[in-house]
Amino acid sequence: MSTPPPPTSAPAGSTGIEITASFFILSFILFLFKPVFVIDGTAVKSQWKTPGMFPTAPGQHQVQVHIPYLFLRTAGKAVATATVQPGQVVRVAYKAPWILFLPGKITMS
């Protein structure tokens, strides 16, 4: 697992993927566990409800989000494919499931 540069906010004219992770408020225990964003096999721990910008080349990219929760290494795992056009920032929203044995939900805009 390599270490890419830390996520930043999206500058004007950039190309990449911006990911925001959230959960239902009654699952407040998840504040203790940071979500992991995996883009094309490169994993980065991030923060809840804070958008992370990941510069990428134009094209298709596999996006995966999961939570390392206690003995479950990939709890709430969700996978999607994002198509990035030149000069475009694809915004990805991850919603953690109520029960961490179930998959999470990824939406894109």
PDB file of N, CA and C in Angstrom:
ATOM      1  N   MET A   1       0.849  -1.163   0.000  1.00  0.00           N
ATOM      2  CA  MET A   1       0.000   0.000   0.000  1.00  0.00           C
ATOM      3  C   MET A   1       0.897   1.229   0.000  1.00  0.00           C
ATOM      4  N   SER A   2       0.924   1.980  -1.096  1.00  0.00           N
ATOM      5  CA  SER A   2       1.754   3.169  -1.196  1.00  0.00           C
ATOM      6  C   SER A   2       1.043   4.356  -0.566  1.00  0.00           C
ATOM      7  N   THR A   3       1.792   5.412  -0.313  1.00  0.00           N
ATOM      8  CA  THR A   3       1.232   6.591   0.327  1.00  0.00           C
ATOM      9  C   THR A   3       1.189   7.742  -0.664  1.00  0.00           C
ATOM     10  N   PRO A   4      -0.018   8.070  -1.190  1.00  0.00           N
ATOM     11  CA  PRO A   4      -0.133   9.200  -2.098  1.00  0.00           C
ATOM     12  C   PRO A   4      -0.142  10.506  -1.296  1.00  0.00           C
ATOM     13  N   PRO A   5      -0.059  11.645  -1.980  1.00  0.00           N
ATOM     14  CA  PRO A   5      -0.109  12.911  -1.264  1.00  0.00           C
ATOM     15  C   PRO A   5      -1.458  13.049  -0.550  1.00  0.00           C
ATOM     16  N   PRO A   6      -1.503  13.788   0.563  1.00  0.00           N
ATOM     17  CA  PRO A   6      -2.761  13.930   1.286  1.00  0.00           C
ATOM     18  C   PRO A   6      -3.811  14.631   0.438  1.00  0.00           C
ATOM     19  N   PRO A   7      -5.095  14.302   0.657  1.00  0.00           N
ATOM     20  CA  PRO A   7      -6.150  14.934  -0.121  1.00  0.00           C
ATOM     21  C   PRO A   7      -6.233  16.425   0.162  1.00  0.00           C
ATOM     22  N   THR A   8      -6.608  17.180  -0.847  1.00  0.00           N
ATOM     23  CA  THR A   8      -6.762  18.623  -0.704  1.00  0.00           C
ATOM     24  C   THR A   8      -8.093  19.036  -1.303  1.00  0.00           C
ATOM     25  N   SER A   9      -8.458  20.306  -1.140  1.00  0.00           N
ATOM     26  CA  SER A   9      -9.676  20.777  -1.785  1.00  0.00           C
ATOM     27  C   SER A   9      -9.413  20.943  -3.279  1.00  0.00           C
ATOM     28  N   ALA A  10     -10.492  20.926  -4.077  1.00  0.00           N
ATOM     29  CA  ALA A  10     -10.365  20.933  -5.536  1.00  0.00           C
ATOM     30  C   ALA A  10     -10.038  22.325  -6.065  1.00  0.00           C
ATOM     31  N   PRO A  11      -8.825  22.540  -6.615  1.00  0.00           N
ATOM     32  CA  PRO A  11      -8.519  23.815  -7.241  1.00  0.00           C
ATOM     33  C   PRO A  11      -9.222  23.929  -8.596  1.00  0.00           C
ATOM     34  N   ALA A  12      -9.400  25.144  -9.035  1.00  0.00           N
ATOM     35  CA  ALA A  12     -10.079  25.379 -10.305  1.00  0.00           C
ATOM     36  C   ALA A  12      -9.292  24.749 -11.449  1.00  0.00           C
ATOM     37  N   GLY A  13     -10.014  24.096 -12.361  1.00  0.00           N
ATOM     38  CA  GLY A  13      -9.391  23.502 -13.532  1.00  0.00           C
ATOM     39  C   GLY A  13      -8.671  22.192 -13.276  1.00  0.00           C
ATOM     40  N   SER A  14      -8.884  21.591 -12.116  1.00  0.00           N
ATOM     41  CA  SER A  14      -8.199  20.342 -11.809  1.00  0.00           C
ATOM     42  C   SER A  14      -8.995  19.144 -12.322  1.00  0.00           C
ATOM     43  N   THR A  15      -8.338  18.014 -12.386  1.00  0.00           N
ATOM     44  CA  THR A  15      -8.961  16.766 -12.805  1.00  0.00           C
ATOM     45  C   THR A  15      -8.756  15.766 -11.685  1.00  0.00           C
ATOM     46  N   GLY A  16      -9.853  15.127 -11.267  1.00  0.00           N
ATOM     47  CA  GLY A  16      -9.694  14.145 -10.207  1.00  0.00           C
ATOM     48  C   GLY A  16     -11.005  13.682  -9.623  1.00  0.00           C
ATOM     49  N   ILE A  17     -10.909  13.076  -8.447  1.00  0.00           N
ATOM     50  CA  ILE A  17     -12.060  12.516  -7.749  1.00  0.00           C
ATOM     51  C   ILE A  17     -12.101  13.112  -6.349  1.00  0.00           C
ATOM     52  N   GLU A  18     -13.265  13.621  -5.966  1.00  0.00           N
ATOM     53  CA  GLU A  18     -13.465  14.165  -4.628  1.00  0.00           C
ATOM     54  C   GLU A  18     -14.419  13.237  -3.887  1.00  0.00           C
ATOM     55  N   ILE A  19     -13.989  12.724  -2.735  1.00  0.00           N
ATOM     56  CA  ILE A  19     -14.789  11.755  -1.989  1.00  0.00           C
ATOM     57  C   ILE A  19     -15.165  12.334  -0.631  1.00  0.00           C
ATOM     58  N   THR A  20     -16.452  12.176  -0.261  1.00  0.00           N
ATOM     59  CA  THR A  20     -16.940  12.564   1.052  1.00  0.00           C
ATOM     60  C   THR A  20     -17.632  11.361   1.666  1.00  0.00           C
ATOM     61  N   ALA A  21     -17.249  10.999   2.892  1.00  0.00           N
ATOM     62  CA  ALA A  21     -17.834   9.855   3.589  1.00  0.00           C
ATOM     63  C   ALA A  21     -18.698  10.347   4.737  1.00  0.00           C
ATOM     64  N   SER A  22     -19.864   9.713   4.901  1.00  0.00           N
ATOM     65  CA  SER A  22     -20.764  10.079   5.990  1.00  0.00           C
ATOM     66  C   SER A  22     -21.448   8.834   6.538  1.00  0.00           C
ATOM     67  N   PHE A  23     -22.132   8.994   7.660  1.00  0.00           N
ATOM     68  CA  PHE A  23     -22.867   7.892   8.284  1.00  0.00           C
ATOM     69  C   PHE A  23     -24.072   8.444   9.023  1.00  0.00           C
ATOM     70  N   PHE A  24     -25.018   7.576   9.332  1.00  0.00           N
ATOM     71  CA  PHE A  24     -26.208   7.948  10.083  1.00  0.00           C
ATOM     72  C   PHE A  24     -25.788   8.321  11.500  1.00  0.00           C
ATOM     73  N   ILE A  25     -26.352   9.380  12.057  1.00  0.00           N
ATOM     74  CA  ILE A  25     -25.902   9.939  13.327  1.00  0.00           C
ATOM     75  C   ILE A  25     -25.968   8.942  14.485  1.00  0.00           C
ATOM     76  N   LEU A  26     -26.888   7.975  14.454  1.00  0.00           N
ATOM     77  CA  LEU A  26     -26.954   6.997  15.535  1.00  0.00           C
ATOM     78  C   LEU A  26     -25.794   6.002  15.500  1.00  0.00           C
ATOM     79  N   SER A  27     -25.026   6.028  14.436  1.00  0.00           N
ATOM     80  CA  SER A  27     -23.817   5.196  14.341  1.00  0.00           C
ATOM     81  C   SER A  27     -22.598   6.007  14.761  1.00  0.00           C
ATOM     82  N   PHE A  28     -22.753   6.850  15.775  1.00  0.00           N
ATOM     83  CA  PHE A  28     -21.706   7.774  16.192  1.00  0.00           C
ATOM     84  C   PHE A  28     -20.398   7.075  16.587  1.00  0.00           C
ATOM     85  N   ILE A  29     -20.444   5.786  16.898  1.00  0.00           N
ATOM     86  CA  ILE A  29     -19.231   5.035  17.231  1.00  0.00           C
ATOM     87  C   ILE A  29     -18.234   5.061  16.066  1.00  0.00           C
ATOM     88  N   LEU A  30     -18.728   5.283  14.853  1.00  0.00           N
ATOM     89  CA  LEU A  30     -17.850   5.314  13.679  1.00  0.00           C
ATOM     90  C   LEU A  30     -16.884   6.498  13.703  1.00  0.00           C
ATOM     91  N   PHE A  31     -17.143   7.503  14.547  1.00  0.00           N
ATOM     92  CA  PHE A  31     -16.178   8.597  14.673  1.00  0.00           C
ATOM     93  C   PHE A  31     -14.817   8.081  15.136  1.00  0.00           C
ATOM     94  N   LEU A  32     -14.790   6.924  15.781  1.00  0.00           N
ATOM     95  CA  LEU A  32     -13.532   6.343  16.257  1.00  0.00           C
ATOM     96  C   LEU A  32     -12.741   5.635  15.163  1.00  0.00           C
ATOM     97  N   PHE A  33     -13.388   5.383  14.024  1.00  0.00           N
ATOM     98  CA  PHE A  33     -12.760   4.634  12.934  1.00  0.00           C
ATOM     99  C   PHE A  33     -12.774   5.484  11.669  1.00  0.00           C
ATOM    100  N   LYS A  34     -11.605   5.738  11.105  1.00  0.00           N
ATOM    101  CA  LYS A  34     -11.516   6.574   9.904  1.00  0.00           C
ATOM    102  C   LYS A  34     -11.812   5.761   8.653  1.00  0.00           C
ATOM    103  N   PRO A  35     -12.573   6.336   7.712  1.00  0.00           N
ATOM    104  CA  PRO A  35     -12.831   5.616   6.459  1.00  0.00           C
ATOM    105  C   PRO A  35     -11.562   5.535   5.617  1.00  0.00           C
ATOM    106  N   VAL A  36     -11.485   4.491   4.812  1.00  0.00           N
ATOM    107  CA  VAL A  36     -10.344   4.302   3.916  1.00  0.00           C
ATOM    108  C   VAL A  36     -10.852   4.421   2.483  1.00  0.00           C
ATOM    109  N   PHE A  37     -10.237   5.319   1.718  1.00  0.00           N
ATOM    110  CA  PHE A  37     -10.568   5.501   0.304  1.00  0.00           C
ATOM    111  C   PHE A  37      -9.493   4.793  -0.505  1.00  0.00           C
ATOM    112  N   VAL A  38      -9.911   3.955  -1.449  1.00  0.00           N
ATOM    113  CA  VAL A  38      -8.975   3.234  -2.313  1.00  0.00           C
ATOM    114  C   VAL A  38      -9.300   3.612  -3.755  1.00  0.00           C
ATOM    115  N   ILE A  39      -8.348   4.242  -4.429  1.00  0.00           N
ATOM    116  CA  ILE A  39      -8.537   4.617  -5.833  1.00  0.00           C
ATOM    117  C   ILE A  39      -7.475   3.885  -6.633  1.00  0.00           C
ATOM    118  N   ASP A  40      -7.918   3.005  -7.515  1.00  0.00           N
ATOM    119  CA  ASP A  40      -7.025   2.200  -8.356  1.00  0.00           C
ATOM    120  C   ASP A  40      -5.962   1.479  -7.527  1.00  0.00           C
ATOM    121  N   GLY A  41      -6.356   0.956  -6.372  1.00  0.00           N
ATOM    122  CA  GLY A  41      -5.450   0.170  -5.550  1.00  0.00           C
ATOM    123  C   GLY A  41      -4.614   0.951  -4.560  1.00  0.00           C
ATOM    124  N   THR A  42      -4.685   2.273  -4.576  1.00  0.00           N
ATOM    125  CA  THR A  42      -3.930   3.108  -3.643  1.00  0.00           C
ATOM    126  C   THR A  42      -4.858   3.552  -2.519  1.00  0.00           C
ATOM    127  N   ALA A  43      -4.544   3.145  -1.282  1.00  0.00           N
ATOM    128  CA  ALA A  43      -5.418   3.414  -0.136  1.00  0.00           C
ATOM    129  C   ALA A  43      -4.936   4.613   0.672  1.00  0.00           C
ATOM    130  N   VAL A  44      -5.921   5.404   1.157  1.00  0.00           N
ATOM    131  CA  VAL A  44      -5.648   6.567   1.994  1.00  0.00           C
ATOM    132  C   VAL A  44      -6.702   6.633   3.089  1.00  0.00           C
ATOM    133  N   LYS A  45      -6.269   6.780   4.357  1.00  0.00           N
ATOM    134  CA  LYS A  45      -7.225   7.016   5.437  1.00  0.00           C
ATOM    135  C   LYS A  45      -7.645   8.483   5.374  1.00  0.00           C
ATOM    136  N   SER A  46      -8.922   8.732   5.644  1.00  0.00           N
ATOM    137  CA  SER A  46      -9.428  10.088   5.554  1.00  0.00           C
ATOM    138  C   SER A  46     -10.273  10.412   6.779  1.00  0.00           C
ATOM    139  N   GLN A  47     -11.067  11.460   6.682  1.00  0.00           N
ATOM    140  CA  GLN A  47     -11.928  11.913   7.769  1.00  0.00           C
ATOM    141  C   GLN A  47     -13.393  11.796   7.355  1.00  0.00           C
ATOM    142  N   TRP A  48     -14.265  11.674   8.333  1.00  0.00           N
ATOM    143  CA  TRP A  48     -15.701  11.672   8.065  1.00  0.00           C
ATOM    144  C   TRP A  48     -16.160  13.082   7.738  1.00  0.00           C
ATOM    145  N   LYS A  49     -17.078  13.196   6.804  1.00  0.00           N
ATOM    146  CA  LYS A  49     -17.760  14.436   6.420  1.00  0.00           C
ATOM    147  C   LYS A  49     -16.820  15.541   5.945  1.00  0.00           C
ATOM    148  N   THR A  50     -15.600  15.187   5.595  1.00  0.00           N
ATOM    149  CA  THR A  50     -14.640  16.142   5.050  1.00  0.00           C
ATOM    150  C   THR A  50     -14.261  15.698   3.645  1.00  0.00           C
ATOM    151  N   PRO A  51     -14.564  16.521   2.616  1.00  0.00           N
ATOM    152  CA  PRO A  51     -14.227  16.105   1.251  1.00  0.00           C
ATOM    153  C   PRO A  51     -12.717  15.978   1.064  1.00  0.00           C
ATOM    154  N   GLY A  52     -12.325  14.911   0.387  1.00  0.00           N
ATOM    155  CA  GLY A  52     -10.924  14.699   0.056  1.00  0.00           C
ATOM    156  C   GLY A  52     -10.768  14.687  -1.453  1.00  0.00           C
ATOM    157  N   MET A  53      -9.853  15.510  -1.978  1.00  0.00           N
ATOM    158  CA  MET A  53      -9.612  15.602  -3.421  1.00  0.00           C
ATOM    159  C   MET A  53      -8.404  14.759  -3.775  1.00  0.00           C
ATOM    160  N   PHE A  54      -8.574  13.892  -4.773  1.00  0.00           N
ATOM    161  CA  PHE A  54      -7.509  13.015  -5.226  1.00  0.00           C
ATOM    162  C   PHE A  54      -7.277  13.266  -6.708  1.00  0.00           C
ATOM    163  N   PRO A  55      -6.172  13.911  -7.079  1.00  0.00           N
ATOM    164  CA  PRO A  55      -5.890  14.161  -8.500  1.00  0.00           C
ATOM    165  C   PRO A  55      -5.693  12.837  -9.247  1.00  0.00           C
ATOM    166  N   THR A  56      -6.332  12.711 -10.389  1.00  0.00           N
ATOM    167  CA  THR A  56      -6.203  11.523 -11.227  1.00  0.00           C
ATOM    168  C   THR A  56      -6.088  11.949 -12.681  1.00  0.00           C
ATOM    169  N   ALA A  57      -5.671  11.033 -13.506  1.00  0.00           N
ATOM    170  CA  ALA A  57      -5.658  11.260 -14.950  1.00  0.00           C
ATOM    171  C   ALA A  57      -7.073  11.042 -15.473  1.00  0.00           C
ATOM    172  N   PRO A  58      -7.414  11.634 -16.601  1.00  0.00           N
ATOM    173  CA  PRO A  58      -8.725  11.355 -17.190  1.00  0.00           C
ATOM    174  C   PRO A  58      -8.862   9.870 -17.513  1.00  0.00           C
ATOM    175  N   GLY A  59     -10.081   9.357 -17.430  1.00  0.00           N
ATOM    176  CA  GLY A  59     -10.335   7.951 -17.723  1.00  0.00           C
ATOM    177  C   GLY A  59     -11.158   7.302 -16.631  1.00  0.00           C
ATOM    178  N   GLN A  60     -11.234   5.975 -16.670  1.00  0.00           N
ATOM    179  CA  GLN A  60     -12.004   5.229 -15.683  1.00  0.00           C
ATOM    180  C   GLN A  60     -11.119   4.837 -14.509  1.00  0.00           C
ATOM    181  N   HIS A  61     -11.677   4.977 -13.308  1.00  0.00           N
ATOM    182  CA  HIS A  61     -10.949   4.655 -12.094  1.00  0.00           C
ATOM    183  C   HIS A  61     -11.865   3.875 -11.161  1.00  0.00           C
ATOM    184  N   GLN A  62     -11.296   2.859 -10.502  1.00  0.00           N
ATOM    185  CA  GLN A  62     -12.073   2.093  -9.529  1.00  0.00           C
ATOM    186  C   GLN A  62     -11.954   2.780  -8.176  1.00  0.00           C
ATOM    187  N   VAL A  63     -13.112   3.075  -7.573  1.00  0.00           N
ATOM    188  CA  VAL A  63     -13.175   3.735  -6.274  1.00  0.00           C
ATOM    189  C   VAL A  63     -13.771   2.755  -5.272  1.00  0.00           C
ATOM    190  N   GLN A  64     -13.078   2.568  -4.163  1.00  0.00           N
ATOM    191  CA  GLN A  64     -13.579   1.694  -3.099  1.00  0.00           C
ATOM    192  C   GLN A  64     -13.481   2.459  -1.789  1.00  0.00           C
ATOM    193  N   VAL A  65     -14.500   2.309  -0.945  1.00  0.00           N
ATOM    194  CA  VAL A  65     -14.478   2.915   0.380  1.00  0.00           C
ATOM    195  C   VAL A  65     -14.865   1.826   1.374  1.00  0.00           C
ATOM    196  N   HIS A  66     -14.140   1.760   2.491  1.00  0.00           N
ATOM    197  CA  HIS A  66     -14.485   0.820   3.548  1.00  0.00           C
ATOM    198  C   HIS A  66     -14.030   1.393   4.892  1.00  0.00           C
ATOM    199  N   ILE A  67     -14.436   0.702   5.956  1.00  0.00           N
ATOM    200  CA  ILE A  67     -14.110   1.132   7.305  1.00  0.00           C
ATOM    201  C   ILE A  67     -13.394  -0.021   8.016  1.00  0.00           C
ATOM    202  N   PRO A  68     -12.192   0.187   8.521  1.00  0.00           N
ATOM    203  CA  PRO A  68     -11.542  -0.854   9.321  1.00  0.00           C
ATOM    204  C   PRO A  68     -12.146  -0.821  10.731  1.00  0.00           C
ATOM    205  N   TYR A  69     -13.089  -1.703  10.990  1.00  0.00           N
ATOM    206  CA  TYR A  69     -13.882  -1.677  12.221  1.00  0.00           C
ATOM    207  C   TYR A  69     -13.593  -2.920  13.047  1.00  0.00           C
ATOM    208  N   LEU A  70     -12.959  -2.741  14.196  1.00  0.00           N
ATOM    209  CA  LEU A  70     -12.612  -3.827  15.109  1.00  0.00           C
ATOM    210  C   LEU A  70     -11.958  -4.983  14.359  1.00  0.00           C
ATOM    211  N   PHE A  71     -12.637  -6.141  14.293  1.00  0.00           N
ATOM    212  CA  PHE A  71     -12.045  -7.311  13.638  1.00  0.00           C
ATOM    213  C   PHE A  71     -12.399  -7.400  12.155  1.00  0.00           C
ATOM    214  N   LEU A  72     -13.219  -6.488  11.672  1.00  0.00           N
ATOM    215  CA  LEU A  72     -13.585  -6.463  10.247  1.00  0.00           C
ATOM    216  C   LEU A  72     -12.657  -5.478   9.539  1.00  0.00           C
ATOM    217  N   ARG A  73     -11.841  -5.974   8.650  1.00  0.00           N
ATOM    218  CA  ARG A  73     -10.878  -5.101   7.967  1.00  0.00           C
ATOM    219  C   ARG A  73     -11.528  -4.233   6.911  1.00  0.00           C
ATOM    220  N   THR A  74     -12.622  -4.707   6.307  1.00  0.00           N
ATOM    221  CA  THR A  74     -13.286  -3.940   5.238  1.00  0.00           C
ATOM    222  C   THR A  74     -14.783  -3.870   5.492  1.00  0.00           C
ATOM    223  N   ALA A  75     -15.173  -3.369   6.631  1.00  0.00           N
ATOM    224  CA  ALA A  75     -16.598  -3.245   6.961  1.00  0.00           C
ATOM    225  C   ALA A  75     -17.241  -2.172   6.092  1.00  0.00           C
ATOM    226  N   GLY A  76     -18.486  -2.404   5.686  1.00  0.00           N
ATOM    227  CA  GLY A  76     -19.226  -1.422   4.897  1.00  0.00           C
ATOM    228  C   GLY A  76     -18.626  -1.133   3.542  1.00  0.00           C
ATOM    229  N   LYS A  77     -17.954  -2.106   2.969  1.00  0.00           N
ATOM    230  CA  LYS A  77     -17.239  -1.909   1.699  1.00  0.00           C
ATOM    231  C   LYS A  77     -18.205  -1.598   0.559  1.00  0.00           C
ATOM    232  N   ALA A  78     -17.833  -0.602  -0.235  1.00  0.00           N
ATOM    233  CA  ALA A  78     -18.577  -0.241  -1.439  1.00  0.00           C
ATOM    234  C   ALA A  78     -17.571   0.040  -2.549  1.00  0.00           C
ATOM    235  N   VAL A  79     -17.899  -0.417  -3.759  1.00  0.00           N
ATOM    236  CA  VAL A  79     -17.006  -0.254  -4.912  1.00  0.00           C
ATOM    237  C   VAL A  79     -17.804   0.321  -6.071  1.00  0.00           C
ATOM    238  N   ALA A  80     -17.199   1.254  -6.787  1.00  0.00           N
ATOM    239  CA  ALA A  80     -17.828   1.841  -7.975  1.00  0.00           C
ATOM    240  C   ALA A  80     -16.739   2.236  -8.963  1.00  0.00           C
ATOM    241  N   THR A  81     -17.140   2.470 -10.194  1.00  0.00           N
ATOM    242  CA  THR A  81     -16.224   2.935 -11.233  1.00  0.00           C
ATOM    243  C   THR A  81     -16.582   4.374 -11.575  1.00  0.00           C
ATOM    244  N   ALA A  82     -15.592   5.258 -11.515  1.00  0.00           N
ATOM    245  CA  ALA A  82     -15.796   6.673 -11.833  1.00  0.00           C
ATOM    246  C   ALA A  82     -15.103   6.980 -13.155  1.00  0.00           C
ATOM    247  N   THR A  83     -15.813   7.651 -14.040  1.00  0.00           N
ATOM    248  CA  THR A  83     -15.239   8.090 -15.305  1.00  0.00           C
ATOM    249  C   THR A  83     -14.952   9.581 -15.201  1.00  0.00           C
ATOM    250  N   VAL A  84     -13.679   9.943 -15.310  1.00  0.00           N
ATOM    251  CA  VAL A  84     -13.240  11.327 -15.163  1.00  0.00           C
ATOM    252  C   VAL A  84     -12.878  11.875 -16.535  1.00  0.00           C
ATOM    253  N   GLN A  85     -13.479  12.989 -16.893  1.00  0.00           N
ATOM    254  CA  GLN A  85     -13.172  13.681 -18.145  1.00  0.00           C
ATOM    255  C   GLN A  85     -12.069  14.707 -17.873  1.00  0.00           C
ATOM    256  N   PRO A  86     -11.322  15.133 -18.896  1.00  0.00           N
ATOM    257  CA  PRO A  86     -10.279  16.153 -18.687  1.00  0.00           C
ATOM    258  C   PRO A  86     -10.864  17.429 -18.092  1.00  0.00           C
ATOM    259  N   GLY A  87     -10.247  17.938 -17.029  1.00  0.00           N
ATOM    260  CA  GLY A  87     -10.709  19.164 -16.380  1.00  0.00           C
ATOM    261  C   GLY A  87     -11.930  18.983 -15.492  1.00  0.00           C
ATOM    262  N   GLN A  88     -12.345  17.753 -15.239  1.00  0.00           N
ATOM    263  CA  GLN A  88     -13.553  17.478 -14.456  1.00  0.00           C
ATOM    264  C   GLN A  88     -13.186  16.905 -13.089  1.00  0.00           C
ATOM    265  N   VAL A  89     -13.969  17.281 -12.083  1.00  0.00           N
ATOM    266  CA  VAL A  89     -13.853  16.681 -10.765  1.00  0.00           C
ATOM    267  C   VAL A  89     -15.130  15.887 -10.521  1.00  0.00           C
ATOM    268  N   VAL A  90     -14.993  14.580 -10.361  1.00  0.00           N
ATOM    269  CA  VAL A  90     -16.141  13.715 -10.080  1.00  0.00           C
ATOM    270  C   VAL A  90     -16.317  13.679  -8.570  1.00  0.00           C
ATOM    271  N   ARG A  91     -17.509  14.062  -8.113  1.00  0.00           N
ATOM    272  CA  ARG A  91     -17.797  14.060  -6.678  1.00  0.00           C
ATOM    273  C   ARG A  91     -18.459  12.742  -6.292  1.00  0.00           C
ATOM    274  N   VAL A  92     -17.821  12.043  -5.374  1.00  0.00           N
ATOM    275  CA  VAL A  92     -18.289  10.742  -4.910  1.00  0.00           C
ATOM    276  C   VAL A  92     -18.720  10.886  -3.454  1.00  0.00           C
ATOM    277  N   ALA A  93     -19.923  10.391  -3.145  1.00  0.00           N
ATOM    278  CA  ALA A  93     -20.420  10.406  -1.768  1.00  0.00           C
ATOM    279  C   ALA A  93     -20.581   8.968  -1.296  1.00  0.00           C
ATOM    280  N   TYR A  94     -19.997   8.663  -0.158  1.00  0.00           N
ATOM    281  CA  TYR A  94     -20.105   7.331   0.449  1.00  0.00           C
ATOM    282  C   TYR A  94     -20.966   7.444   1.690  1.00  0.00           C
ATOM    283  N   LYS A  95     -21.928   6.549   1.811  1.00  0.00           N
ATOM    284  CA  LYS A  95     -22.790   6.482   2.990  1.00  0.00           C
ATOM    285  C   LYS A  95     -22.585   5.123   3.638  1.00  0.00           C
ATOM    286  N   ALA A  96     -22.121   5.125   4.890  1.00  0.00           N
ATOM    287  CA  ALA A  96     -21.886   3.879   5.614  1.00  0.00           C
ATOM    288  C   ALA A  96     -23.236   3.223   5.942  1.00  0.00           C
ATOM    289  N   PRO A  97     -23.283   1.889   5.959  1.00  0.00           N
ATOM    290  CA  PRO A  97     -24.537   1.196   6.275  1.00  0.00           C
ATOM    291  C   PRO A  97     -24.833   1.267   7.778  1.00  0.00           C
ATOM    292  N   TRP A  98     -26.095   1.037   8.138  1.00  0.00           N
ATOM    293  CA  TRP A  98     -26.489   1.001   9.546  1.00  0.00           C
ATOM    294  C   TRP A  98     -25.835  -0.184  10.243  1.00  0.00           C
ATOM    295  N   ILE A  99     -25.789  -1.314   9.532  1.00  0.00           N
ATOM    296  CA  ILE A  99     -25.167  -2.522  10.063  1.00  0.00           C
ATOM    297  C   ILE A  99     -23.908  -2.767   9.238  1.00  0.00           C
ATOM    298  N   LEU A 100     -22.762  -2.789   9.885  1.00  0.00           N
ATOM    299  CA  LEU A 100     -21.496  -2.803   9.154  1.00  0.00           C
ATOM    300  C   LEU A 100     -21.196  -4.105   8.428  1.00  0.00           C
ATOM    301  N   PHE A 101     -22.020  -5.120   8.614  1.00  0.00           N
ATOM    302  CA  PHE A 101     -21.843  -6.351   7.839  1.00  0.00           C
ATOM    303  C   PHE A 101     -22.394  -6.178   6.429  1.00  0.00           C
ATOM    304  N   LEU A 102     -23.197  -5.136   6.211  1.00  0.00           N
ATOM    305  CA  LEU A 102     -23.797  -4.867   4.904  1.00  0.00           C
ATOM    306  C   LEU A 102     -22.888  -3.926   4.105  1.00  0.00           C
ATOM    307  N   PRO A 103     -23.069  -3.876   2.784  1.00  0.00           N
ATOM    308  CA  PRO A 103     -22.251  -2.941   1.980  1.00  0.00           C
ATOM    309  C   PRO A 103     -22.723  -1.503   2.153  1.00  0.00           C
ATOM    310  N   GLY A 104     -21.793  -0.574   1.979  1.00  0.00           N
ATOM    311  CA  GLY A 104     -22.133   0.839   1.982  1.00  0.00           C
ATOM    312  C   GLY A 104     -22.703   1.237   0.632  1.00  0.00           C
ATOM    313  N   LYS A 105     -22.971   2.532   0.474  1.00  0.00           N
ATOM    314  CA  LYS A 105     -23.567   3.035  -0.770  1.00  0.00           C
ATOM    315  C   LYS A 105     -22.713   4.173  -1.316  1.00  0.00           C
ATOM    316  N   ILE A 106     -22.401   4.100  -2.620  1.00  0.00           N
ATOM    317  CA  ILE A 106     -21.644   5.144  -3.293  1.00  0.00           C
ATOM    318  C   ILE A 106     -22.546   5.792  -4.345  1.00  0.00           C
ATOM    319  N   THR A 107     -22.593   7.125  -4.336  1.00  0.00           N
ATOM    320  CA  THR A 107     -23.296   7.877  -5.376  1.00  0.00           C
ATOM    321  C   THR A 107     -22.306   8.876  -5.981  1.00  0.00           C
ATOM    322  N   MET A 108     -22.509   9.201  -7.254  1.00  0.00           N
ATOM    323  CA  MET A 108     -21.605  10.128  -7.945  1.00  0.00           C
ATOM    324  C   MET A 108     -22.387  11.258  -8.589  1.00  0.00           C
ATOM    325  N   SER A 109     -21.735  12.400  -8.674  1.00  0.00           N
ATOM    326  CA  SER A 109     -22.334  13.539  -9.381  1.00  0.00           C
ATOM    327  C   SER A 109     -21.277  14.280 -10.170  1.00  0.00           C
TER     328      SER A 109
END
